[in-house]
C-alpha atoms as a PDB file:
ATOM      1  CA  MET A   1    -180.101  53.741 -20.910  1.00  0.00           C
ATOM      2  CA  SER A   2    -178.484  52.614 -24.126  1.00  0.00           C
ATOM      3  CA  PRO A   3    -176.083  49.656 -23.810  1.00  0.00           C
ATOM      4  CA  ASP A   4    -173.517  51.341 -26.053  1.00  0.00           C
ATOM      5  CA  LEU A   5    -172.864  53.917 -23.328  1.00  0.00           C
ATOM      6  CA  THR A   6    -170.735  51.440 -21.414  1.00  0.00           C
ATOM      7  CA  THR A   7    -169.017  49.769 -24.369  1.00  0.00           C
ATOM      8  CA  PRO A   8    -165.256  50.240 -24.054  1.00  0.00           C
ATOM      9  CA  GLY A   9    -163.557  51.718 -27.104  1.00  0.00           C
ATOM     10  CA  SER A  10    -166.656  53.475 -28.369  1.00  0.00           C
ATOM     11  CA  VAL A  11    -166.237  54.935 -31.834  1.00  0.00           C
ATOM     12  CA  ARG A  12    -168.660  57.796 -31.272  1.00  0.00           C
ATOM     13  CA  SER A  13    -167.223  61.259 -31.701  1.00  0.00           C
ATOM     14  CA  ALA A  14    -166.986  63.755 -28.863  1.00  0.00           C
ATOM     15  CA  ALA A  15    -169.452  65.965 -30.733  1.00  0.00           C
ATOM     16  CA  GLU A  16    -171.979  63.135 -30.958  1.00  0.00           C
ATOM     17  CA  ILE A  17    -171.652  62.382 -27.257  1.00  0.00           C
ATOM     18  CA  ASN A  18    -171.883  66.080 -26.410  1.00  0.00           C
ATOM     19  CA  GLU A  19    -175.131  66.292 -28.357  1.00  0.00           C
ATOM     20  CA  GLN A  20    -176.503  63.381 -26.335  1.00  0.00           C
ATOM     21  CA  ILE A  21    -175.492  65.144 -23.108  1.00  0.00           C
ATOM     22  CA  ARG A  22    -177.276  68.307 -24.227  1.00  0.00           C
ATOM     23  CA  ALA A  23    -180.388  66.315 -25.137  1.00  0.00           C
ATOM     24  CA  LEU A  24    -180.373  64.665 -21.715  1.00  0.00           C
ATOM     25  CA  TRP A  25    -180.285  68.047 -19.963  1.00  0.00           C
ATOM     26  CA  LEU A  26    -183.080  69.366 -22.179  1.00  0.00           C
ATOM     27  CA  ARG A  27    -185.277  66.335 -21.457  1.00  0.00           C
ATOM     28  CA  ALA A  28    -184.548  66.632 -17.748  1.00  0.00           C
ATOM     29  CA  GLY A  29    -185.455  70.302 -17.647  1.00  0.00           C
ATOM     30  CA  GLY A  30    -182.253  71.231 -15.843  1.00  0.00           C
ATOM     31  CA  SER A  31    -182.650  68.874 -12.877  1.00  0.00           C
ATOM     32  CA  LEU A  32    -181.410  65.293 -13.221  1.00  0.00           C
ATOM     33  CA  SER A  33    -182.986  62.316 -11.471  1.00  0.00           C
ATOM     34  CA  ALA A  34    -180.681  59.681  -9.981  1.00  0.00           C
ATOM     35  CA  GLN A  35    -180.992  57.570 -13.133  1.00  0.00           C
ATOM     36  CA  GLU A  36    -180.353  60.563 -15.385  1.00  0.00           C
ATOM     37  CA  ARG A  37    -177.355  61.542 -13.243  1.00  0.00           C
ATOM     38  CA  ALA A  38    -175.890  58.057 -13.706  1.00  0.00           C
ATOM     39  CA  GLU A  39    -176.437  58.301 -17.477  1.00  0.00           C
ATOM     40  CA  TYR A  40    -174.874  61.777 -17.488  1.00  0.00           C
ATOM     41  CA  GLU A  41    -171.803  60.536 -15.628  1.00  0.00           C
ATOM     42  CA  LEU A  42    -171.309  57.699 -18.120  1.00  0.00           C
ATOM     43  CA  LEU A  43    -171.672  60.106 -21.020  1.00  0.00           C
ATOM     44  CA  VAL A  44    -169.122  62.507 -19.531  1.00  0.00           C
ATOM     45  CA  VAL A  45    -166.606  59.675 -19.081  1.00  0.00           C
ATOM     46  CA  GLU A  46    -167.198  58.574 -22.679  1.00  0.00           C
ATOM     47  CA  TRP A  47    -166.912  62.173 -23.905  1.00  0.00           C
ATOM     48  CA  ALA A  48    -163.609  62.647 -22.052  1.00  0.00           C
ATOM     49  CA  ALA A  49    -162.246  59.419 -23.566  1.00  0.00           C
ATOM     50  CA  ALA A  50    -163.243  60.604 -27.044  1.00  0.00           C
ATOM     51  CA  ILE A  51    -161.480  63.927 -26.440  1.00  0.00           C
ATOM     52  CA  ARG A  52    -158.336  62.163 -25.159  1.00  0.00           C
ATOM     53  CA  SER A  53    -158.376  59.860 -28.174  1.00  0.00           C
ATOM     54  CA  ARG A  54    -158.618  62.837 -30.519  1.00  0.00           C
ATOM     55  CA  VAL A  55    -155.705  64.571 -28.760  1.00  0.00           C
ATOM     56  CA  VAL A  56    -153.543  61.437 -28.948  1.00  0.00           C
ATOM     57  CA  GLU A  57    -154.318  61.029 -32.653  1.00  0.00           C
ATOM     58  CA  ALA A  58    -153.319  64.653 -33.274  1.00  0.00           C
ATOM     59  CA  ALA A  59    -149.980  64.258 -31.490  1.00  0.00           C
END
């Protein structure tokens, strides 16, 4: 797993993170291992933070 997944204040866009999530599911073939599930959960948290950041910036 990439170390930048857990870096607070990531500057990656929600679209970029979403693409990584999609790639993970494609690699996994639709069934995640425990390690892939942990990576997925981190990506979803990062994606949600990116979305929240975008909403706050728009307000």
